[in-house]
Amino acid sequence: MPALVPARLTEIRDLVADLATHRADPPPDPAQLLARCEKALTDVLSDRAGLLSDLGEAAEELATWTGTV
């Protein structure tokens, strides 16, 4: 089951918008922005890993069900 709920996806999209804004006018201390980026990347990669695992399980179940194993 994906970990990224719609609210978290919205937060990550907002972060992308913030990054575009800060490209022209970087914050004096980028630590908070970098921490948000790190957390977003961690969440996205974790969600990806979960989806790949789920996809593999679904493929195995489908192969078993259709008799192609």
C-alpha atoms as a PDB file:
ATOM      1  CA  MET A   1       0.000   0.000   0.000  1.00  0.00           C
ATOM      2  CA  PRO A   2       1.480   3.383  -0.961  1.00  0.00           C
ATOM      3  CA  ALA A   3       2.596   5.529   1.935  1.00  0.00           C
ATOM      4  CA  LEU A   4       2.110   8.820   0.137  1.00  0.00           C
ATOM      5  CA  VAL A   5      -1.396   9.952   0.924  1.00  0.00           C
ATOM      6  CA  PRO A   6      -2.886  12.802  -1.135  1.00  0.00           C
ATOM      7  CA  ALA A   7      -2.064  15.381   1.561  1.00  0.00           C
ATOM      8  CA  ARG A   8       1.618  14.360   1.530  1.00  0.00           C
ATOM      9  CA  LEU A   9       1.706  14.513  -2.264  1.00  0.00           C
ATOM     10  CA  THR A  10       0.333  18.058  -2.060  1.00  0.00           C
ATOM     11  CA  GLU A  11       3.072  18.974   0.435  1.00  0.00           C
ATOM     12  CA  ILE A  12       5.729  17.600  -1.919  1.00  0.00           C
ATOM     13  CA  ARG A  13       4.251  19.502  -4.872  1.00  0.00           C
ATOM     14  CA  ASP A  14       4.292  22.660  -2.731  1.00  0.00           C
ATOM     15  CA  LEU A  15       7.941  21.969  -1.945  1.00  0.00           C
ATOM     16  CA  VAL A  16       8.713  21.778  -5.668  1.00  0.00           C
ATOM     17  CA  ALA A  17       7.007  25.152  -6.114  1.00  0.00           C
ATOM     18  CA  ASP A  18       9.051  26.560  -3.216  1.00  0.00           C
ATOM     19  CA  LEU A  19      12.240  25.303  -4.836  1.00  0.00           C
ATOM     20  CA  ALA A  20      11.347  27.080  -8.065  1.00  0.00           C
ATOM     21  CA  THR A  21      10.712  30.281  -6.116  1.00  0.00           C
ATOM     22  CA  HIS A  22      13.959  30.003  -4.172  1.00  0.00           C
ATOM     23  CA  ARG A  23      15.980  29.385  -7.305  1.00  0.00           C
ATOM     24  CA  ALA A  24      15.847  33.113  -8.032  1.00  0.00           C
ATOM     25  CA  ASP A  25      15.982  34.208  -4.373  1.00  0.00           C
ATOM     26  CA  PRO A  26      17.646  31.581  -2.156  1.00  0.00           C
ATOM     27  CA  PRO A  27      16.903  31.722   1.575  1.00  0.00           C
ATOM     28  CA  PRO A  28      19.761  32.989   3.789  1.00  0.00           C
ATOM     29  CA  ASP A  29      19.803  29.688   5.697  1.00  0.00           C
ATOM     30  CA  PRO A  30      18.749  26.824   3.418  1.00  0.00           C
ATOM     31  CA  ALA A  31      18.862  24.174   6.174  1.00  0.00           C
ATOM     32  CA  GLN A  32      15.071  23.997   6.614  1.00  0.00           C
ATOM     33  CA  LEU A  33      14.496  23.805   2.862  1.00  0.00           C
ATOM     34  CA  LEU A  34      17.139  21.080   2.543  1.00  0.00           C
ATOM     35  CA  ALA A  35      15.537  19.129   5.394  1.00  0.00           C
ATOM     36  CA  ARG A  36      12.150  19.298   3.637  1.00  0.00           C
ATOM     37  CA  CYS A  37      13.804  18.069   0.424  1.00  0.00           C
ATOM     38  CA  GLU A  38      15.507  15.199   2.219  1.00  0.00           C
ATOM     39  CA  LYS A  39      12.239  14.102   3.863  1.00  0.00           C
ATOM     40  CA  ALA A  40      10.350  14.345   0.556  1.00  0.00           C
ATOM     41  CA  LEU A  41      12.956  12.258  -1.266  1.00  0.00           C
ATOM     42  CA  THR A  42      12.943   9.676   1.505  1.00  0.00           C
ATOM     43  CA  ASP A  43       9.148   9.446   1.351  1.00  0.00           C
ATOM     44  CA  VAL A  44       9.081   9.165  -2.446  1.00  0.00           C
ATOM     45  CA  LEU A  45      11.779   6.479  -2.547  1.00  0.00           C
ATOM     46  CA  SER A  46      10.102   4.532   0.240  1.00  0.00           C
ATOM     47  CA  ASP A  47       6.768   4.718  -1.564  1.00  0.00           C
ATOM     48  CA  ARG A  48       8.438   3.571  -4.786  1.00  0.00           C
ATOM     49  CA  ALA A  49       9.963   0.566  -3.015  1.00  0.00           C
ATOM     50  CA  GLY A  50       6.580  -0.346  -1.574  1.00  0.00           C
ATOM     51  CA  LEU A  51       4.897  -0.049  -4.955  1.00  0.00           C
ATOM     52  CA  LEU A  52       7.535  -2.247  -6.613  1.00  0.00           C
ATOM     53  CA  SER A  53       7.063  -4.882  -3.934  1.00  0.00           C
ATOM     54  CA  ASP A  54       3.279  -4.747  -4.324  1.00  0.00           C
ATOM     55  CA  LEU A  55       3.621  -4.975  -8.097  1.00  0.00           C
ATOM     56  CA  GLY A  56       5.803  -8.068  -7.809  1.00  0.00           C
ATOM     57  CA  GLU A  57       3.298  -9.745  -5.505  1.00  0.00           C
ATOM     58  CA  ALA A  58       0.410  -8.864  -7.809  1.00  0.00           C
ATOM     59  CA  ALA A  59       2.301 -10.246 -10.814  1.00  0.00           C
ATOM     60  CA  GLU A  60       2.941 -13.513  -8.986  1.00  0.00           C
ATOM     61  CA  GLU A  61      -0.706 -13.808  -7.974  1.00  0.00           C
ATOM     62  CA  LEU A  62      -1.856 -13.098 -11.531  1.00  0.00           C
ATOM     63  CA  ALA A  63       0.569 -15.640 -12.953  1.00  0.00           C
ATOM     64  CA  THR A  64      -0.669 -18.231 -10.464  1.00  0.00           C
ATOM     65  CA  TRP A  65      -4.296 -17.397 -11.172  1.00  0.00           C
ATOM     66  CA  THR A  66      -3.846 -17.597 -14.962  1.00  0.00           C
ATOM     67  CA  GLY A  67      -1.674 -20.706 -14.718  1.00  0.00           C
ATOM     68  CA  THR A  68       1.360 -19.147 -16.391  1.00  0.00           C
ATOM     69  CA  VAL A  69       3.705 -20.029 -13.534  1.00  0.00           C
END
